[in-house]
């Protein structure tokens, strides 16, 4: 998969590296801004409860 993406990117290895980093940053931004907020209410760890019982 990564080899295919690497071969499809244009330019020499420096240009490919810069484009790959931009592509990774775009995917992370997309996940953080749109995907994770939509999925978060359905995750089971949202119902955690922490109580303070007076240090006992």
C-alpha atoms as a PDB file:
ATOM      1  CA  UNK A   1       0.000   0.000   0.000  1.00  0.00           C
ATOM      2  CA  UNK A   2       2.666   2.502   1.033  1.00  0.00           C
ATOM      3  CA  UNK A   3       4.890   1.431  -1.823  1.00  0.00           C
ATOM      4  CA  UNK A   4       2.070   2.087  -4.273  1.00  0.00           C
ATOM      5  CA  UNK A   5       1.502   5.568  -2.865  1.00  0.00           C
ATOM      6  CA  UNK A   6       5.243   6.245  -2.962  1.00  0.00           C
ATOM      7  CA  UNK A   7       5.440   5.184  -6.623  1.00  0.00           C
ATOM      8  CA  UNK A   8       2.426   7.324  -7.567  1.00  0.00           C
ATOM      9  CA  UNK A   9       3.868  10.518  -6.081  1.00  0.00           C
ATOM     10  CA  UNK A  10       5.726  12.635  -8.648  1.00  0.00           C
ATOM     11  CA  UNK A  11       9.307  13.865  -8.383  1.00  0.00           C
ATOM     12  CA  UNK A  12      12.505  12.693  -6.764  1.00  0.00           C
ATOM     13  CA  UNK A  13      12.687  11.333  -3.217  1.00  0.00           C
ATOM     14  CA  UNK A  14      12.833  14.787  -1.605  1.00  0.00           C
ATOM     15  CA  UNK A  15       9.673  15.930  -3.364  1.00  0.00           C
ATOM     16  CA  UNK A  16       8.013  12.591  -2.628  1.00  0.00           C
ATOM     17  CA  UNK A  17       8.915  12.931   1.050  1.00  0.00           C
ATOM     18  CA  UNK A  18       7.447  16.443   1.262  1.00  0.00           C
ATOM     19  CA  UNK A  19       4.277  15.360  -0.545  1.00  0.00           C
ATOM     20  CA  UNK A  20       3.959  12.276   1.661  1.00  0.00           C
ATOM     21  CA  UNK A  21       4.250  14.416   4.811  1.00  0.00           C
ATOM     22  CA  UNK A  22       1.604  16.809   3.470  1.00  0.00           C
ATOM     23  CA  UNK A  23      -0.626  13.839   2.671  1.00  0.00           C
ATOM     24  CA  UNK A  24      -0.186  12.411   6.181  1.00  0.00           C
ATOM     25  CA  UNK A  25      -0.947  15.801   7.752  1.00  0.00           C
ATOM     26  CA  UNK A  26      -4.095  16.116   5.617  1.00  0.00           C
ATOM     27  CA  UNK A  27      -5.316  12.666   6.679  1.00  0.00           C
ATOM     28  CA  UNK A  28      -4.679  13.431  10.369  1.00  0.00           C
ATOM     29  CA  UNK A  29      -6.487  16.766  10.052  1.00  0.00           C
ATOM     30  CA  UNK A  30      -9.438  15.089   8.326  1.00  0.00           C
ATOM     31  CA  UNK A  31      -9.675  12.455  11.055  1.00  0.00           C
ATOM     32  CA  UNK A  32      -9.374  14.936  13.930  1.00  0.00           C
ATOM     33  CA  UNK A  33     -11.811  17.487  12.530  1.00  0.00           C
ATOM     34  CA  UNK A  34     -14.539  15.321  11.021  1.00  0.00           C
ATOM     35  CA  UNK A  35     -14.313  11.589  11.695  1.00  0.00           C
ATOM     36  CA  UNK A  36     -13.401  11.342  15.391  1.00  0.00           C
ATOM     37  CA  UNK A  37     -16.035  13.861  16.619  1.00  0.00           C
ATOM     38  CA  UNK A  38     -18.760  11.909  14.821  1.00  0.00           C
ATOM     39  CA  UNK A  39     -17.586   8.532  16.177  1.00  0.00           C
ATOM     40  CA  UNK A  40     -16.833   9.678  19.764  1.00  0.00           C
ATOM     41  CA  UNK A  41     -20.403   9.447  21.154  1.00  0.00           C
ATOM     42  CA  UNK A  42     -20.588   5.789  20.111  1.00  0.00           C
ATOM     43  CA  UNK A  43     -17.371   4.726  21.854  1.00  0.00           C
ATOM     44  CA  UNK A  44     -17.810   2.698  25.065  1.00  0.00           C
ATOM     45  CA  UNK A  45     -15.194   4.577  27.103  1.00  0.00           C
ATOM     46  CA  UNK A  46     -17.255   7.804  27.160  1.00  0.00           C
ATOM     47  CA  UNK A  47     -19.240   6.600  30.193  1.00  0.00           C
ATOM     48  CA  UNK A  48     -16.328   6.568  32.660  1.00  0.00           C
ATOM     49  CA  UNK A  49     -17.056   7.834  36.148  1.00  0.00           C
ATOM     50  CA  UNK A  50     -14.470   9.068  38.598  1.00  0.00           C
ATOM     51  CA  UNK A  51     -15.608   9.683  42.162  1.00  0.00           C
ATOM     52  CA  UNK A  52     -13.875  11.176  45.142  1.00  0.00           C
ATOM     53  CA  UNK A  53     -14.685   9.256  48.292  1.00  0.00           C
ATOM     54  CA  UNK A  54     -12.708  11.471  50.673  1.00  0.00           C
ATOM     55  CA  UNK A  55      -9.339   9.777  50.165  1.00  0.00           C
ATOM     56  CA  UNK A  56     -10.353   6.495  51.766  1.00  0.00           C
END
